[in-house]
N, C-alpha and C. Protein backbone atom coordinates (compact mmCIF):
# COMPACT_ATOMS: atom_id res chain seq x y z
N MET A 1 12.19 84.54 -13.29
CA MET A 1 12.82 85.03 -13.78
C MET A 1 14.02 84.04 -15.06
N LYS A 2 14.73 84.40 -16.07
CA LYS A 2 15.68 83.84 -16.90
C LYS A 2 16.39 83.25 -16.34
N ARG A 3 16.87 82.16 -16.80
CA ARG A 3 18.39 81.56 -15.85
C ARG A 3 19.85 82.24 -16.71
N ASN A 4 19.46 82.72 -17.56
CA ASN A 4 20.96 83.11 -18.30
C ASN A 4 21.01 84.36 -18.26
N VAL A 5 21.61 84.82 -16.71
CA VAL A 5 21.23 85.98 -16.54
C VAL A 5 22.50 86.48 -15.34
N PRO A 6 23.42 87.85 -15.53
CA PRO A 6 23.88 87.52 -14.41
C PRO A 6 24.01 88.03 -13.25
N VAL A 7 22.23 88.82 -12.83
CA VAL A 7 22.12 89.15 -11.88
C VAL A 7 21.80 87.22 -11.09
N PHE A 8 20.95 86.80 -12.03
CA PHE A 8 20.74 85.01 -11.09
C PHE A 8 22.03 84.68 -11.00
N GLY A 9 23.11 84.79 -11.71
CA GLY A 9 24.49 83.95 -11.07
C GLY A 9 24.80 84.17 -10.20
N LEU A 10 24.52 85.99 -9.96
CA LEU A 10 25.18 86.63 -8.73
C LEU A 10 24.13 86.35 -7.69
N ILE A 11 23.19 86.37 -7.69
CA ILE A 11 22.53 85.86 -6.32
C ILE A 11 23.29 84.23 -5.86
N ILE A 12 23.32 83.73 -6.96
CA ILE A 12 23.84 82.48 -6.40
C ILE A 12 25.06 82.24 -5.91
N GLY A 13 26.00 83.22 -6.78
CA GLY A 13 27.29 83.29 -5.77
C GLY A 13 27.62 84.10 -4.73
N ILE A 14 26.15 84.50 -4.27
CA ILE A 14 26.14 85.00 -2.54
C ILE A 14 25.56 84.12 -1.91
N ILE A 15 24.64 83.28 -2.60
CA ILE A 15 24.00 82.46 -1.19
C ILE A 15 25.19 81.25 -1.12
N PHE A 16 25.91 80.74 -2.34
CA PHE A 16 26.13 79.47 -2.01
C PHE A 16 27.37 79.49 -1.10
N PRO A 17 28.30 80.72 -0.91
CA PRO A 17 29.35 80.28 -0.28
C PRO A 17 28.48 80.68 1.32
N MET A 18 27.18 80.98 1.66
CA MET A 18 26.43 81.34 2.73
C MET A 18 26.51 79.78 3.54
N LEU A 19 26.11 78.87 2.20
CA LEU A 19 25.94 77.76 2.71
C LEU A 19 27.04 76.86 3.02
N GLY A 20 28.20 77.11 2.48
CA GLY A 20 29.42 76.47 2.25
C GLY A 20 29.91 77.09 4.46
N MET A 21 29.79 78.49 4.17
CA MET A 21 30.28 78.75 5.29
C MET A 21 29.46 78.13 7.02
N LEU A 22 28.34 77.77 6.39
CA LEU A 22 26.95 76.70 7.53
C LEU A 22 27.56 75.90 7.80
N VAL A 23 27.89 74.86 6.41
CA VAL A 23 28.98 73.54 6.71
C VAL A 23 29.58 73.56 7.54
N MET A 24 30.94 74.89 7.16
CA MET A 24 31.95 74.90 7.63
C MET A 24 31.92 75.31 9.60
N TYR A 25 30.63 75.85 9.48
CA TYR A 25 29.99 76.19 11.33
C TYR A 25 30.14 74.19 11.41
N LEU A 26 29.60 73.39 10.94
CA LEU A 26 28.81 72.04 11.69
C LEU A 26 30.33 71.57 11.73
N VAL A 27 31.20 71.78 10.53
CA VAL A 27 32.41 70.37 10.43
C VAL A 27 33.18 71.02 11.50
N LYS A 28 33.57 72.18 11.54
CA LYS A 28 34.64 72.68 12.44
C LYS A 28 34.48 73.29 14.31
N PHE A 29 33.21 74.14 14.02
CA PHE A 29 32.23 74.57 15.31
C PHE A 29 31.53 74.14 15.75
N GLY A 30 31.32 73.14 15.20
CA GLY A 30 29.88 72.60 15.63
C GLY A 30 29.48 72.21 17.39
N GLY A 31 30.70 72.29 17.72
CA GLY A 31 30.51 71.94 19.54
C GLY A 31 29.99 73.50 20.71
N THR A 32 30.39 74.42 19.40
CA THR A 32 29.70 75.98 19.75
C THR A 32 28.81 76.15 19.48
N PRO A 33 27.90 77.49 20.26
CA PRO A 33 26.21 78.17 19.54
C PRO A 33 27.05 79.11 18.84
N PHE A 34 26.21 78.80 17.77
CA PHE A 34 25.76 79.69 16.29
C PHE A 34 25.95 80.96 16.74
N GLY A 35 25.48 81.97 17.44
CA GLY A 35 26.35 83.51 18.19
C GLY A 35 27.49 83.54 18.16
N GLU A 36 27.80 82.50 19.06
CA GLU A 36 29.48 82.45 19.64
C GLU A 36 30.46 82.74 18.03
N PHE A 37 29.67 81.49 17.24
CA PHE A 37 30.66 81.41 15.53
C PHE A 37 30.48 82.58 15.19
N ILE A 38 29.53 83.68 15.29
CA ILE A 38 29.32 84.69 14.69
C ILE A 38 30.26 85.34 15.19
N GLN A 39 30.38 85.48 16.55
CA GLN A 39 30.77 86.51 17.21
C GLN A 39 32.23 86.45 16.98
N THR A 40 32.83 85.49 16.90
CA THR A 40 34.51 84.94 16.94
C THR A 40 34.68 85.41 15.57
N MET A 41 33.66 85.44 14.74
CA MET A 41 33.89 86.15 13.20
C MET A 41 33.99 87.50 13.42
N ILE A 42 33.64 87.87 13.96
CA ILE A 42 33.13 89.24 14.24
C ILE A 42 34.81 89.95 14.50
N ASN A 43 34.56 88.94 15.84
CA ASN A 43 35.93 89.98 16.36
C ASN A 43 37.53 89.38 15.87
N ASN A 44 37.40 88.42 15.45
CA ASN A 44 38.91 87.88 15.08
C ASN A 44 38.74 88.20 13.21
N HIS A 45 38.93 89.01 12.57
CA HIS A 45 39.01 88.65 11.53
C HIS A 45 40.20 87.96 10.48
N LYS A 46 40.99 87.08 11.19
CA LYS A 46 41.75 86.23 10.20
C LYS A 46 40.71 84.92 10.47
N VAL A 47 40.40 84.37 11.27
CA VAL A 47 39.38 83.65 11.56
C VAL A 47 38.48 83.89 10.36
N ALA A 48 37.80 84.69 9.76
CA ALA A 48 36.78 85.12 9.29
C ALA A 48 36.97 85.49 8.24
N ALA A 49 38.39 85.47 7.54
CA ALA A 49 38.83 85.25 6.39
C ALA A 49 39.34 83.79 5.87
N MET A 50 39.35 82.95 6.90
CA MET A 50 40.02 82.07 7.05
C MET A 50 38.25 81.10 6.32
N VAL A 51 37.61 81.07 7.03
CA VAL A 51 36.39 80.71 6.88
C VAL A 51 35.43 80.85 5.67
N LEU A 52 35.34 82.31 5.51
CA LEU A 52 35.01 82.98 4.36
C LEU A 52 36.22 82.12 2.65
N SER A 53 37.36 82.02 2.77
CA SER A 53 37.94 81.39 2.05
C SER A 53 37.74 80.04 1.60
N LEU A 54 37.61 78.97 2.65
CA LEU A 54 37.48 78.11 2.48
C LEU A 54 35.22 77.59 2.25
N SER A 55 34.79 78.76 2.41
CA SER A 55 32.89 79.13 2.12
C SER A 55 33.14 78.73 0.21
N LEU A 56 33.93 80.00 -0.05
CA LEU A 56 34.02 80.06 -1.39
C LEU A 56 34.33 78.84 -2.05
N LEU A 57 34.53 77.49 -1.70
CA LEU A 57 34.76 76.48 -2.79
C LEU A 57 33.46 75.88 -3.26
N ALA A 58 32.38 76.65 -2.30
CA ALA A 58 31.10 75.69 -2.28
C ALA A 58 30.46 76.38 -3.95
N ASN A 59 31.14 77.35 -4.49
CA ASN A 59 30.91 78.39 -5.89
C ASN A 59 31.34 77.72 -7.01
N ALA A 60 32.47 77.12 -6.78
CA ALA A 60 32.64 76.07 -7.86
C ALA A 60 31.84 74.87 -8.05
N ILE A 61 31.01 75.05 -7.51
CA ILE A 61 29.74 73.81 -7.90
C ILE A 61 28.49 74.54 -8.39
N PRO A 62 27.99 75.30 -8.15
CA PRO A 62 27.25 75.36 -9.30
C PRO A 62 27.78 76.65 -11.10
N PHE A 63 29.16 77.21 -10.82
CA PHE A 63 29.80 77.59 -11.84
C PHE A 63 30.02 76.52 -12.86
N ILE A 64 30.70 75.40 -11.98
CA ILE A 64 30.97 74.38 -13.03
C ILE A 64 29.44 73.99 -13.46
N TYR A 65 28.59 73.64 -13.19
CA TYR A 65 27.41 73.52 -13.46
C TYR A 65 26.77 74.44 -14.51
N TYR A 66 26.84 75.15 -14.95
CA TYR A 66 26.51 76.51 -15.73
C TYR A 66 27.51 76.58 -16.12
N THR A 67 28.86 76.67 -16.04
CA THR A 67 29.36 76.89 -17.46
C THR A 67 29.27 75.66 -18.28
N ASN A 68 29.58 74.06 -17.70
CA ASN A 68 28.76 73.01 -18.94
C ASN A 68 27.42 72.60 -19.44
N LYS A 69 26.47 73.97 -18.81
CA LYS A 69 24.67 73.57 -19.16
C LYS A 69 25.49 75.03 -20.38
N ARG A 70 26.38 75.81 -20.63
CA ARG A 70 26.25 76.61 -21.66
C ARG A 70 25.48 77.95 -21.14
N LEU A 71 24.88 78.15 -20.06
CA LEU A 71 24.81 79.07 -19.21
C LEU A 71 26.04 80.39 -19.04
N ASP A 72 26.38 80.81 -19.86
CA ASP A 72 27.80 82.04 -19.71
C ASP A 72 26.96 82.97 -18.75
N LEU A 73 26.54 83.84 -19.05
CA LEU A 73 26.00 84.76 -18.46
C LEU A 73 25.80 84.76 -17.15
N THR A 74 25.02 83.42 -16.53
CA THR A 74 25.16 82.82 -15.55
C THR A 74 26.19 82.36 -13.97
N ALA A 75 27.42 82.08 -15.44
CA ALA A 75 28.13 81.26 -14.46
C ALA A 75 29.24 83.06 -14.54
N ARG A 76 29.74 83.97 -15.61
CA ARG A 76 29.75 84.81 -15.03
C ARG A 76 29.37 85.96 -14.38
N GLY A 77 27.89 85.99 -13.12
CA GLY A 77 27.59 86.58 -12.33
C GLY A 77 28.28 85.50 -10.97
N ILE A 78 28.44 84.37 -11.07
CA ILE A 78 28.82 83.77 -9.83
C ILE A 78 30.45 84.43 -10.12
N LEU A 79 31.28 84.20 -11.03
CA LEU A 79 32.35 84.66 -10.95
C LEU A 79 32.30 86.23 -10.31
N ILE A 80 31.47 86.98 -10.88
CA ILE A 80 31.68 88.70 -10.26
C ILE A 80 31.28 88.48 -9.01
N ALA A 81 30.60 87.60 -8.34
CA ALA A 81 29.83 87.54 -6.56
C ALA A 81 31.29 86.58 -6.28
N THR A 82 32.41 85.61 -6.69
CA THR A 82 33.45 85.41 -6.08
C THR A 82 34.59 86.02 -5.73
N MET A 83 34.26 86.85 -7.04
CA MET A 83 35.92 87.99 -6.87
C MET A 83 35.18 88.99 -5.55
N LEU A 84 34.16 89.13 -5.94
CA LEU A 84 33.87 90.33 -4.50
C LEU A 84 33.96 89.67 -2.98
N TYR A 85 33.86 88.50 -3.05
CA TYR A 85 33.68 87.85 -2.22
C TYR A 85 35.72 87.83 -1.70
N ALA A 86 36.18 87.57 -2.18
CA ALA A 86 37.71 87.48 -2.62
C ALA A 86 38.08 88.61 -2.00
N VAL A 87 37.33 90.15 -2.61
CA VAL A 87 37.94 91.30 -1.86
C VAL A 87 37.58 91.20 -0.72
N LEU A 88 36.91 90.65 -0.48
CA LEU A 88 36.53 91.26 1.43
C LEU A 88 37.33 90.40 2.08
N ILE A 89 37.78 89.10 1.74
CA ILE A 89 38.37 88.25 2.87
C ILE A 89 40.11 89.31 2.67
N VAL A 90 40.56 89.77 1.52
CA VAL A 90 41.66 90.05 0.93
C VAL A 90 41.90 91.55 2.62
N LEU A 91 40.64 92.49 2.33
CA LEU A 91 40.33 93.22 3.28
C LEU A 91 40.48 92.69 4.82
N LEU A 92 39.54 91.61 4.88
CA LEU A 92 39.70 90.91 6.27
C LEU A 92 41.32 90.58 6.97
N LYS A 93 41.89 90.11 6.26
CA LYS A 93 42.85 89.64 6.21
C LYS A 93 44.57 90.47 6.57
N PHE A 94 44.71 91.99 5.75
CA PHE A 94 45.67 92.56 6.05
C PHE A 94 45.10 94.37 6.57
N VAL A 95 44.01 94.25 5.75
CA VAL A 95 42.87 95.86 6.33
C VAL A 95 43.08 96.27 7.80
N TRP A 96 42.09 95.23 7.98
CA TRP A 96 41.74 95.28 9.06
C TRP A 96 42.13 94.29 10.30
């Protein structure tokens, strides 16, 4: 797969916040089982919005990397994934 395509950036932009959410789980909810953490996020949408918004900071790492490498289409895909996560966060925080 070519590296300078928006689809590659979209995949990276979806995976990195999941890794950020795993880090959030280990740092903040490390004493609870992972299933209970997921259940808390399903039941309490405000907690889910907080965890997702903090995990989006993980997207800054690949975005800056691909921007500095002048792979702008990949960086655009990461930005699109970040915006999709932002819409999800707004929906979780204010609508549901």
